[in-house]
Amino acid sequence: MTARQRQTEDTTARQRQTEDMTARQRQTEDTTARQQQTEDTTARQRQTEDMTARQRQTEDMTARQRQTEDMTARQRQTEDMTARQRQTEDTTARQRQTEDTTARQRQTEDTTARQRQTEDTTARQRQTEDTTARQRQTEDMTARQRQTEAGQRETEDTTATTN
């Protein structure tokens, strides 16, 4: 082989080495690029999962708030029902008081009516007694008059006989 041929082969060999080095670099760069893509994809997945987790937390918070609001609404309903029951009981108590007062008034009126009846009966008895007493007085007066008249007649008869 001539020196030129050897130089040419050496140059060709160096070129091949250079190309191999370049090819290896490209492979390395491709591998690095693929790794970065994988890492980017993984990072995006993590972001998506984090977003999903945050959404779930938000939904859970919203659900808890709704539960709290429902509980509060139920408590208010219970309090309203209790208040209505108390109003009904108060109304019933007032009605009973009114009925009791009315019953007492009726008792008082009945007692007053009985007292008046008793007083009327007593007054009638007194009137009857007064009438009876007057009749007796009249009868006594009549009897005295008759006695007086009888005495006068006797006197007149005696006087007439004497004369």
C-alpha atoms as a PDB file:
ATOM      1  CA  MET A   1       0.000   0.000   0.000  1.00  0.00           C
ATOM      2  CA  THR A   2       1.161   3.390  -0.763  1.00  0.00           C
ATOM      3  CA  ALA A   3       1.377   6.110   1.810  1.00  0.00           C
ATOM      4  CA  ARG A   4      -1.448   7.949   0.117  1.00  0.00           C
ATOM      5  CA  GLN A   5      -3.711   4.949   0.316  1.00  0.00           C
ATOM      6  CA  ARG A   6      -2.924   4.604   4.016  1.00  0.00           C
ATOM      7  CA  GLN A   7      -3.637   8.290   4.559  1.00  0.00           C
ATOM      8  CA  THR A   8      -6.902   7.917   2.698  1.00  0.00           C
ATOM      9  CA  GLU A   9      -7.866   4.879   4.793  1.00  0.00           C
ATOM     10  CA  ASP A  10      -6.824   6.666   7.990  1.00  0.00           C
ATOM     11  CA  THR A  11      -8.861   9.682   6.961  1.00  0.00           C
ATOM     12  CA  THR A  12     -11.773   7.408   6.124  1.00  0.00           C
ATOM     13  CA  ALA A  13     -11.349   5.615   9.460  1.00  0.00           C
ATOM     14  CA  ARG A  14     -11.237   8.967  11.297  1.00  0.00           C
ATOM     15  CA  GLN A  15     -14.352  10.090   9.421  1.00  0.00           C
ATOM     16  CA  ARG A  16     -16.102   6.879  10.422  1.00  0.00           C
ATOM     17  CA  GLN A  17     -15.057   7.409  14.034  1.00  0.00           C
ATOM     18  CA  THR A  18     -16.323  10.957  13.841  1.00  0.00           C
ATOM     19  CA  GLU A  19     -19.603   9.760  12.312  1.00  0.00           C
ATOM     20  CA  ASP A  20     -19.878   7.035  14.960  1.00  0.00           C
ATOM     21  CA  MET A  21     -19.224   9.629  17.676  1.00  0.00           C
ATOM     22  CA  THR A  22     -21.827  11.901  16.088  1.00  0.00           C
ATOM     23  CA  ALA A  23     -24.284   9.008  15.859  1.00  0.00           C
ATOM     24  CA  ARG A  24     -23.638   8.140  19.535  1.00  0.00           C
ATOM     25  CA  GLN A  25     -24.133  11.796  20.526  1.00  0.00           C
ATOM     26  CA  ARG A  26     -27.382  11.878  18.574  1.00  0.00           C
ATOM     27  CA  GLN A  27     -28.514   8.671  20.316  1.00  0.00           C
ATOM     28  CA  THR A  28     -27.580  10.190  23.669  1.00  0.00           C
ATOM     29  CA  GLU A  29     -29.416  13.412  22.792  1.00  0.00           C
ATOM     30  CA  ASP A  30     -32.430  11.410  21.592  1.00  0.00           C
ATOM     31  CA  THR A  31     -32.368   9.361  24.799  1.00  0.00           C
ATOM     32  CA  THR A  32     -32.068  12.582  26.843  1.00  0.00           C
ATOM     33  CA  ALA A  33     -34.918  14.146  24.850  1.00  0.00           C
ATOM     34  CA  ARG A  34     -37.057  11.046  25.423  1.00  0.00           C
ATOM     35  CA  GLN A  35     -36.267  11.136  29.153  1.00  0.00           C
ATOM     36  CA  GLN A  36     -37.247  14.816  29.305  1.00  0.00           C
ATOM     37  CA  GLN A  37     -40.471  14.061  27.420  1.00  0.00           C
ATOM     38  CA  THR A  38     -41.193  11.243  29.871  1.00  0.00           C
ATOM     39  CA  GLU A  39     -40.431  13.538  32.816  1.00  0.00           C
ATOM     40  CA  ASP A  40     -42.592  16.302  31.292  1.00  0.00           C
ATOM     41  CA  THR A  41     -45.417  13.813  30.734  1.00  0.00           C
ATOM     42  CA  THR A  42     -45.021  12.550  34.313  1.00  0.00           C
ATOM     43  CA  ALA A  43     -45.015  16.149  35.592  1.00  0.00           C
ATOM     44  CA  ARG A  44     -48.178  16.903  33.577  1.00  0.00           C
ATOM     45  CA  GLN A  45     -49.838  13.764  34.947  1.00  0.00           C
ATOM     46  CA  ARG A  46     -48.912  14.835  38.474  1.00  0.00           C
ATOM     47  CA  GLN A  47     -50.335  18.316  37.827  1.00  0.00           C
ATOM     48  CA  THR A  48     -53.521  16.738  36.479  1.00  0.00           C
ATOM     49  CA  GLU A  49     -53.729  14.441  39.515  1.00  0.00           C
ATOM     50  CA  ASP A  50     -53.107  17.412  41.838  1.00  0.00           C
ATOM     51  CA  MET A  51     -55.827  19.399  40.050  1.00  0.00           C
ATOM     52  CA  THR A  52     -58.174  16.413  40.321  1.00  0.00           C
ATOM     53  CA  ALA A  53     -57.333  16.040  44.022  1.00  0.00           C
ATOM     54  CA  ARG A  54     -58.003  19.774  44.569  1.00  0.00           C
ATOM     55  CA  GLN A  55     -61.312  19.488  42.720  1.00  0.00           C
ATOM     56  CA  ARG A  56     -62.260  16.530  44.913  1.00  0.00           C
ATOM     57  CA  GLN A  57     -61.338  18.516  48.027  1.00  0.00           C
ATOM     58  CA  THR A  58     -63.437  21.423  46.771  1.00  0.00           C
ATOM     59  CA  GLU A  59     -66.356  19.071  46.036  1.00  0.00           C
ATOM     60  CA  ASP A  60     -65.972  17.473  49.483  1.00  0.00           C
ATOM     61  CA  MET A  61     -65.946  20.933  51.101  1.00  0.00           C
ATOM     62  CA  THR A  62     -69.034  21.887  49.085  1.00  0.00           C
ATOM     63  CA  ALA A  63     -70.750  18.638  50.094  1.00  0.00           C
ATOM     64  CA  ARG A  64     -69.884  19.305  53.775  1.00  0.00           C
ATOM     65  CA  GLN A  65     -71.246  22.856  53.488  1.00  0.00           C
ATOM     66  CA  ARG A  66     -74.454  21.500  51.981  1.00  0.00           C
ATOM     67  CA  GLN A  67     -74.745  18.959  54.798  1.00  0.00           C
ATOM     68  CA  THR A  68     -74.218  21.749  57.337  1.00  0.00           C
ATOM     69  CA  GLU A  69     -76.840  23.910  55.585  1.00  0.00           C
ATOM     70  CA  ASP A  70     -79.264  20.967  55.497  1.00  0.00           C
ATOM     71  CA  MET A  71     -78.656  20.333  59.215  1.00  0.00           C
ATOM     72  CA  THR A  72     -79.212  24.034  59.936  1.00  0.00           C
ATOM     73  CA  ALA A  73     -82.406  24.005  57.853  1.00  0.00           C
ATOM     74  CA  ARG A  74     -83.637  20.916  59.737  1.00  0.00           C
ATOM     75  CA  GLN A  75     -82.850  22.591  63.081  1.00  0.00           C
ATOM     76  CA  ARG A  76     -84.805  25.672  61.994  1.00  0.00           C
ATOM     77  CA  GLN A  77     -87.732  23.488  60.947  1.00  0.00           C
ATOM     78  CA  THR A  78     -87.617  21.741  64.331  1.00  0.00           C
ATOM     79  CA  GLU A  79     -87.464  25.111  66.132  1.00  0.00           C
ATOM     80  CA  ASP A  80     -90.380  26.410  64.034  1.00  0.00           C
ATOM     81  CA  MET A  81     -92.391  23.274  64.825  1.00  0.00           C
ATOM     82  CA  THR A  82     -91.568  23.667  68.529  1.00  0.00           C
ATOM     83  CA  ALA A  83     -92.568  27.344  68.410  1.00  0.00           C
ATOM     84  CA  ARG A  84     -95.866  26.426  66.697  1.00  0.00           C
ATOM     85  CA  GLN A  85     -96.531  23.747  69.342  1.00  0.00           C
ATOM     86  CA  ARG A  86     -95.859  26.294  72.099  1.00  0.00           C
ATOM     87  CA  GLN A  87     -98.216  28.775  70.436  1.00  0.00           C
ATOM     88  CA  THR A  88    -100.882  26.066  70.200  1.00  0.00           C
ATOM     89  CA  GLU A  89    -100.349  25.137  73.865  1.00  0.00           C
ATOM     90  CA  ASP A  90    -100.493  28.819  74.883  1.00  0.00           C
ATOM     91  CA  THR A  91    -103.692  29.284  72.870  1.00  0.00           C
ATOM     92  CA  THR A  92    -105.184  26.158  74.475  1.00  0.00           C
ATOM     93  CA  ALA A  93    -104.154  27.401  77.939  1.00  0.00           C
ATOM     94  CA  ARG A  94    -105.759  30.796  77.230  1.00  0.00           C
ATOM     95  CA  GLN A  95    -108.954  29.083  76.046  1.00  0.00           C
ATOM     96  CA  ARG A  96    -109.017  27.003  79.227  1.00  0.00           C
ATOM     97  CA  GLN A  97    -108.501  30.129  81.343  1.00  0.00           C
ATOM     98  CA  THR A  98    -111.342  31.838  79.470  1.00  0.00           C
ATOM     99  CA  GLU A  99    -113.582  28.788  79.970  1.00  0.00           C
ATOM    100  CA  ASP A 100    -112.655  28.634  83.679  1.00  0.00           C
ATOM    101  CA  THR A 101    -113.374  32.363  84.056  1.00  0.00           C
ATOM    102  CA  THR A 102    -116.710  31.912  82.249  1.00  0.00           C
ATOM    103  CA  ALA A 103    -117.561  28.942  84.489  1.00  0.00           C
ATOM    104  CA  ARG A 104    -116.700  31.000  87.600  1.00  0.00           C
ATOM    105  CA  GLN A 105    -118.861  33.876  86.346  1.00  0.00           C
ATOM    106  CA  ARG A 106    -121.748  31.462  85.778  1.00  0.00           C
ATOM    107  CA  GLN A 107    -121.299  30.037  89.282  1.00  0.00           C
ATOM    108  CA  THR A 108    -121.293  33.575  90.694  1.00  0.00           C
ATOM    109  CA  GLU A 109    -124.414  34.440  88.674  1.00  0.00           C
ATOM    110  CA  ASP A 110    -126.120  31.215  89.791  1.00  0.00           C
ATOM    111  CA  THR A 111    -125.208  31.951  93.421  1.00  0.00           C
ATOM    112  CA  THR A 112    -126.510  35.523  93.041  1.00  0.00           C
ATOM    113  CA  ALA A 113    -129.738  34.210  91.453  1.00  0.00           C
ATOM    114  CA  ARG A 114    -130.180  31.735  94.321  1.00  0.00           C
ATOM    115  CA  GLN A 115    -129.613  34.519  96.875  1.00  0.00           C
ATOM    116  CA  ARG A 116    -132.218  36.650  95.093  1.00  0.00           C
ATOM    117  CA  GLN A 117    -134.673  33.741  95.091  1.00  0.00           C
ATOM    118  CA  THR A 118    -134.034  33.247  98.807  1.00  0.00           C
ATOM    119  CA  GLU A 119    -134.512  36.977  99.443  1.00  0.00           C
ATOM    120  CA  ASP A 120    -137.709  36.993  97.339  1.00  0.00           C
ATOM    121  CA  THR A 121    -139.009  33.948  99.231  1.00  0.00           C
ATOM    122  CA  THR A 122    -138.156  35.641 102.553  1.00  0.00           C
ATOM    123  CA  ALA A 123    -139.891  38.843 101.424  1.00  0.00           C
ATOM    124  CA  ARG A 124    -142.987  36.844 100.388  1.00  0.00           C
ATOM    125  CA  GLN A 125    -143.007  35.074 103.761  1.00  0.00           C
ATOM    126  CA  ARG A 126    -142.793  38.445 105.528  1.00  0.00           C
ATOM    127  CA  GLN A 127    -145.621  39.802 103.391  1.00  0.00           C
ATOM    128  CA  THR A 128    -147.696  36.722 104.236  1.00  0.00           C
ATOM    129  CA  GLU A 129    -146.874  37.121 107.941  1.00  0.00           C
ATOM    130  CA  ASP A 130    -147.702  40.850 107.780  1.00  0.00           C
ATOM    131  CA  THR A 131    -150.993  40.080 106.020  1.00  0.00           C
ATOM    132  CA  THR A 132    -151.792  37.399 108.620  1.00  0.00           C
ATOM    133  CA  ALA A 133    -150.947  39.832 111.445  1.00  0.00           C
ATOM    134  CA  ARG A 134    -153.200  42.487 109.905  1.00  0.00           C
ATOM    135  CA  GLN A 135    -156.000  39.971 109.549  1.00  0.00           C
ATOM    136  CA  ARG A 136    -155.612  39.028 113.226  1.00  0.00           C
ATOM    137  CA  GLN A 137    -155.602  42.704 114.224  1.00  0.00           C
ATOM    138  CA  THR A 138    -158.749  43.216 112.157  1.00  0.00           C
ATOM    139  CA  GLU A 139    -160.344  40.140 113.730  1.00  0.00           C
ATOM    140  CA  ASP A 140    -159.318  41.347 117.205  1.00  0.00           C
ATOM    141  CA  MET A 141    -160.754  44.815 116.497  1.00  0.00           C
ATOM    142  CA  THR A 142    -163.948  43.223 115.198  1.00  0.00           C
ATOM    143  CA  ALA A 143    -164.190  41.002 118.276  1.00  0.00           C
ATOM    144  CA  ARG A 144    -163.658  44.017 120.585  1.00  0.00           C
ATOM    145  CA  GLN A 145    -166.284  45.995 118.715  1.00  0.00           C
ATOM    146  CA  ARG A 146    -168.730  43.117 119.073  1.00  0.00           C
ATOM    147  CA  GLN A 147    -167.947  42.878 122.780  1.00  0.00           C
ATOM    148  CA  THR A 148    -168.402  46.635 123.127  1.00  0.00           C
ATOM    149  CA  GLU A 149    -171.667  46.490 121.182  1.00  0.00           C
ATOM    150  CA  ALA A 150    -172.840  43.543 123.255  1.00  0.00           C
ATOM    151  CA  GLY A 151    -171.946  45.416 126.459  1.00  0.00           C
ATOM    152  CA  GLN A 152    -173.836  48.481 125.255  1.00  0.00           C
ATOM    153  CA  ARG A 153    -176.887  46.377 124.456  1.00  0.00           C
ATOM    154  CA  GLU A 154    -176.819  44.807 127.876  1.00  0.00           C
ATOM    155  CA  THR A 155    -176.539  48.240 129.433  1.00  0.00           C
ATOM    156  CA  GLU A 156    -179.389  49.481 127.289  1.00  0.00           C
ATOM    157  CA  ASP A 157    -181.436  46.405 128.117  1.00  0.00           C
ATOM    158  CA  THR A 158    -180.726  46.830 131.824  1.00  0.00           C
ATOM    159  CA  THR A 159    -181.612  50.507 131.648  1.00  0.00           C
ATOM    160  CA  ALA A 160    -184.818  49.750 129.802  1.00  0.00           C
ATOM    161  CA  THR A 161    -185.795  47.095 132.299  1.00  0.00           C
ATOM    162  CA  THR A 162    -185.093  49.406 135.211  1.00  0.00           C
ATOM    163  CA  ASN A 163    -187.152  52.168 133.719  1.00  0.00           C
END
